[in-house]
Amino acid sequence: MWRKGALLLLESDRSEGLKRLDFEGIIWRIGMKAKASREHRRIELGRHIVADSRICGGQPTFRGTRIMVWLVLEQLDDGLTWDEIVREWSGRVSLDAISEAIAIAHLVVKHEPFTGFHVGARRKPARGPAELAA
């Protein structure tokens, strides 16, 4: 009955672009998953900084590199001088780029890597047939 990729939503009229069916007072919206969410987006945040959905998960990076802006901001916070940062990144991050990174620092959020679920958030083990019958 349903094709692979079909999406069934039980929600209000917020879903746009989906076919609306009304059965017994329940609004069913039927449609396919949009490929638009996977489209390529590139935002130019300045001359030296871009946010590209295909590079580092859309995190702001320095143009032509995969060096994330928050890494350089963290180095500045740790007390490295601008010249030390330029040397550490082998000149791929220029003084102008560091200046631009400071100017947009309020827009940058450090990405924390996934470290696993909290132990208390784990699913409970499935109950056996004897427990279900009781």
Protein backbone atom coordinates (compact mmCIF):
# COMPACT_ATOMS: atom_id res chain seq x y z
CA MET A 1 0.00 0.00 0.00
CA TRP A 2 2.76 2.47 0.91
CA ARG A 3 5.74 3.07 -1.32
CA LYS A 4 9.22 3.20 0.11
CA GLY A 5 9.98 6.71 1.30
CA ALA A 6 6.35 7.65 1.91
CA LEU A 7 5.85 9.94 4.85
CA LEU A 8 2.67 9.99 6.94
CA LEU A 9 2.13 12.90 9.27
CA LEU A 10 -0.57 13.49 11.86
CA GLU A 11 -0.22 17.17 12.50
CA SER A 12 -1.84 20.52 12.01
CA ASP A 13 -1.93 22.51 8.80
CA ARG A 14 1.73 23.52 9.24
CA SER A 15 2.86 20.92 6.69
CA GLU A 16 2.83 22.57 3.30
CA GLY A 17 3.01 20.91 -0.08
CA LEU A 18 1.54 17.62 1.06
CA LYS A 19 -1.74 16.09 -0.09
CA ARG A 20 -4.48 16.50 2.48
CA LEU A 21 -6.91 13.69 3.29
CA ASP A 22 -9.65 14.03 5.92
CA PHE A 23 -11.06 10.84 7.44
CA GLU A 24 -13.40 10.97 10.43
CA GLY A 25 -12.09 14.32 11.63
CA ILE A 26 -8.42 13.29 11.46
CA ILE A 27 -6.29 15.18 9.00
CA TRP A 28 -3.76 12.92 7.28
CA ARG A 29 -1.03 14.50 5.20
CA ILE A 30 0.73 12.23 2.76
CA GLY A 31 3.84 13.04 0.78
CA MET A 32 7.36 11.99 -0.09
CA LYS A 33 10.45 12.96 1.90
CA ALA A 34 11.81 16.15 0.45
CA LYS A 35 15.20 16.06 -1.23
CA ALA A 36 15.43 19.81 -0.69
CA SER A 37 16.85 19.23 2.78
CA ARG A 38 19.94 17.71 1.13
CA GLU A 39 20.55 20.59 -1.24
CA HIS A 40 23.94 22.27 -1.24
CA ARG A 41 24.08 25.57 0.61
CA ARG A 42 27.07 27.88 0.81
CA ILE A 43 26.98 31.06 2.85
CA GLU A 44 29.73 33.62 2.39
CA LEU A 45 30.34 35.07 5.87
CA GLY A 46 33.12 37.32 4.60
CA ARG A 47 36.10 37.38 2.25
CA HIS A 48 37.89 34.61 4.14
CA ILE A 49 35.12 32.64 5.89
CA VAL A 50 32.37 30.45 4.45
CA ALA A 51 29.78 28.03 5.80
CA ASP A 52 29.21 25.22 3.32
CA SER A 53 26.78 22.36 3.99
CA ARG A 54 29.23 19.93 2.33
CA ILE A 55 32.26 21.00 4.39
CA CYS A 56 32.57 20.15 8.10
CA GLY A 57 28.81 19.81 8.50
CA GLY A 58 28.17 23.46 7.64
CA GLN A 59 30.47 24.82 10.36
CA PRO A 60 32.14 28.14 9.43
CA THR A 61 35.55 27.41 7.89
CA PHE A 62 38.30 29.44 6.28
CA ARG A 63 37.88 29.58 2.51
CA GLY A 64 39.68 26.78 0.67
CA THR A 65 40.40 24.82 3.87
CA ARG A 66 38.66 22.57 6.35
CA ILE A 67 39.99 24.64 9.24
CA MET A 68 37.02 25.53 11.41
CA VAL A 69 36.79 29.08 12.71
CA TRP A 70 36.10 27.97 16.28
CA LEU A 71 39.51 26.22 16.35
CA VAL A 72 41.33 29.49 15.65
CA LEU A 73 39.13 31.39 18.11
CA GLU A 74 39.98 28.77 20.74
CA GLN A 75 43.69 29.22 20.00
CA LEU A 76 43.31 32.97 20.51
CA ASP A 77 41.49 32.30 23.77
CA ASP A 78 44.37 30.05 24.86
CA GLY A 79 46.77 32.98 24.42
CA LEU A 80 48.47 32.23 21.09
CA THR A 81 49.53 35.29 19.12
CA TRP A 82 48.23 35.90 15.62
CA ASP A 83 51.65 35.14 14.12
CA GLU A 84 51.86 31.84 16.01
CA ILE A 85 48.45 30.84 14.64
CA VAL A 86 49.49 31.69 11.07
CA ARG A 87 52.65 29.57 11.50
CA GLU A 88 50.76 26.70 13.10
CA TRP A 89 48.35 26.51 10.14
CA SER A 90 51.26 26.84 7.64
CA GLY A 91 49.97 30.15 6.30
CA ARG A 92 46.58 28.73 5.28
CA VAL A 93 44.98 31.12 7.80
CA SER A 94 46.09 34.71 7.15
CA LEU A 95 46.14 37.68 9.53
CA ASP A 96 43.15 39.15 7.65
CA ALA A 97 41.27 35.87 8.10
CA ILE A 98 41.94 35.90 11.86
CA SER A 99 40.67 39.48 12.03
CA GLU A 100 37.52 38.43 10.19
CA ALA A 101 37.08 35.44 12.53
CA ILE A 102 37.14 37.76 15.54
CA ALA A 103 34.54 39.99 13.88
CA ILE A 104 32.09 37.08 13.47
CA ALA A 105 32.96 35.31 16.75
CA HIS A 106 29.47 35.97 18.14
CA LEU A 107 28.02 33.84 15.30
CA VAL A 108 30.31 30.85 15.83
CA VAL A 109 29.34 27.92 18.04
CA LYS A 110 31.87 25.25 18.95
CA HIS A 111 30.83 21.83 17.69
CA GLU A 112 31.02 19.21 20.42
CA PRO A 113 31.59 15.69 19.07
CA PHE A 114 29.12 12.98 20.09
CA THR A 115 30.46 11.08 23.10
CA GLY A 116 27.64 8.60 23.61
CA PHE A 117 24.36 8.43 25.42
CA HIS A 118 24.02 8.98 29.14
CA VAL A 119 23.83 5.65 30.97
CA GLY A 120 20.42 6.54 32.42
CA ALA A 121 19.01 7.18 28.95
CA ARG A 122 19.45 3.60 27.75
CA ARG A 123 16.41 1.60 26.77
CA LYS A 124 15.00 -0.85 29.26
CA PRO A 125 15.36 -4.53 28.31
CA ALA A 126 12.36 -6.09 26.60
CA ARG A 127 9.97 -7.96 28.86
CA GLY A 128 9.58 -11.68 28.39
CA PRO A 129 6.28 -13.45 27.60
CA ALA A 130 5.76 -14.45 31.26
CA GLU A 131 5.96 -10.82 32.37
CA LEU A 132 3.52 -9.74 29.67
CA ALA A 133 0.96 -12.39 30.68
CA ALA A 134 1.02 -11.32 34.34
